[in-house]
Protein backbone atom coordinates (compact mmCIF):
# COMPACT_ATOMS: atom_id res chain seq x y z
CA MET A 1 131.83 118.41 113.21
CA ARG A 2 129.97 117.73 110.07
CA ASP A 3 126.32 116.41 109.92
CA PRO A 4 126.32 112.88 111.05
CA TYR A 5 123.38 112.00 108.79
CA LEU A 6 125.54 113.19 105.85
CA ILE A 7 128.60 111.17 107.10
CA LEU A 8 126.59 107.97 107.20
CA GLY A 9 124.43 108.67 104.14
CA LEU A 10 121.13 108.71 106.26
CA GLY A 11 117.96 110.49 105.97
CA ALA A 12 116.39 112.15 108.94
CA ASP A 13 113.83 109.27 109.25
CA ALA A 14 116.38 106.50 109.78
CA ASP A 15 115.60 103.96 112.26
CA ASP A 16 118.06 101.99 114.43
CA ALA A 17 118.53 99.13 111.97
CA ALA A 18 119.22 101.62 109.16
CA VAL A 19 121.86 103.54 111.17
CA GLU A 20 123.67 100.30 112.02
CA ARG A 21 123.57 99.20 108.43
CA ALA A 22 124.88 102.51 107.10
CA TYR A 23 127.59 102.38 109.73
CA HIS A 24 128.73 98.98 108.65
CA ASP A 25 128.66 99.95 105.06
CA ALA A 26 130.73 103.05 105.69
CA ILE A 27 133.45 101.07 107.66
CA ARG A 28 133.49 98.61 104.85
CA ARG A 29 134.08 101.39 102.29
CA CYS A 30 136.70 103.14 104.67
CA PRO A 31 138.36 100.87 107.15
CA PRO A 32 140.58 102.48 109.73
CA GLU A 33 143.79 101.24 108.16
CA ARG A 34 142.93 103.20 105.00
CA ASP A 35 141.94 106.61 106.43
CA GLY A 36 141.96 106.85 110.19
CA GLU A 37 140.64 110.49 110.23
CA HIS A 38 137.59 109.56 108.13
CA PHE A 39 136.98 106.42 110.15
CA SER A 40 136.96 108.67 113.34
CA ALA A 41 134.31 110.80 111.81
CA ILE A 42 132.22 107.71 110.70
CA ARG A 43 132.58 106.28 114.47
CA ALA A 44 131.76 109.69 115.98
CA ALA A 45 128.63 109.94 113.63
CA PHE A 46 127.51 106.48 114.46
CA GLU A 47 127.73 107.20 118.28
CA MET A 48 125.73 110.47 117.92
CA LEU A 49 122.89 108.51 116.06
CA ARG A 50 123.04 104.95 117.32
CA THR A 51 119.60 104.96 119.13
CA GLU A 52 116.36 106.74 118.63
CA ARG A 53 117.11 108.59 121.95
CA ASP A 54 120.55 109.67 120.66
CA ARG A 55 118.98 111.00 117.26
CA ILE A 56 116.33 112.88 119.25
CA ALA A 57 118.88 114.35 121.66
CA TYR A 58 121.03 115.33 118.61
CA GLU A 59 117.97 117.03 117.05
CA LEU A 60 116.89 118.79 120.11
CA PHE A 61 120.42 119.90 121.65
CA ASP A 62 123.05 120.02 118.88
CA ARG A 63 123.60 123.67 118.05
CA THR A 64 126.89 123.46 115.95
CA PRO A 65 126.87 125.74 112.99
CA VAL A 66 126.35 124.15 109.68
CA GLU A 67 129.64 123.69 107.76
CA PRO A 68 129.95 124.75 104.20
CA ALA A 69 130.62 121.17 103.05
CA ASP A 70 127.29 120.03 104.49
CA ILE A 71 125.55 122.75 102.47
CA LEU A 72 127.39 121.62 99.39
CA GLU A 73 126.58 117.98 99.90
CA ARG A 74 122.93 118.59 100.41
CA ALA A 75 122.71 120.94 97.41
CA ALA A 76 124.61 118.68 94.98
CA PRO A 77 125.01 115.16 96.50
CA VAL A 78 127.52 112.76 95.06
CA GLY A 79 125.87 110.44 92.57
CA GLU A 80 123.75 111.39 89.61
CA PRO A 81 124.62 114.97 88.67
CA ARG A 82 121.68 117.33 89.32
CA ARG A 83 121.39 120.92 89.72
CA PRO A 84 119.69 122.29 92.85
CA ASP A 85 116.86 124.72 92.45
CA ALA A 86 116.86 128.11 93.95
CA ALA A 87 114.37 127.32 96.64
CA MET A 88 116.55 124.50 97.86
CA LEU A 89 119.54 126.67 97.96
CA GLN A 90 117.85 129.35 99.98
CA ALA A 91 116.49 126.84 102.50
CA LEU A 92 120.03 125.31 102.99
CA LEU A 93 121.49 128.74 103.54
CA ARG A 94 118.66 129.44 106.20
CA GLY A 95 119.49 126.17 107.78
CA ASP A 96 115.90 124.84 107.10
CA ALA A 97 116.72 121.84 104.95
């Protein structure tokens, strides 16, 4: 599964209200009738990050490998075009970022 923080467009310091707000924004942009698969990913990401306890458990115990799509999204996010620097790419490849 992709990184739930990236699916919801959240930073690692998000609180409960920010997670819920991001979830509602995401389902407004992509309702289940439009793209059921993407909606399922949004719902699963929300379930993983819903509360502070869930976010801590995810950080401590989730050991799924980083997917290439996550590396690309962190290196060059959608929005303003920017070129990642070499240090950022190295950190992403090591899994530090």
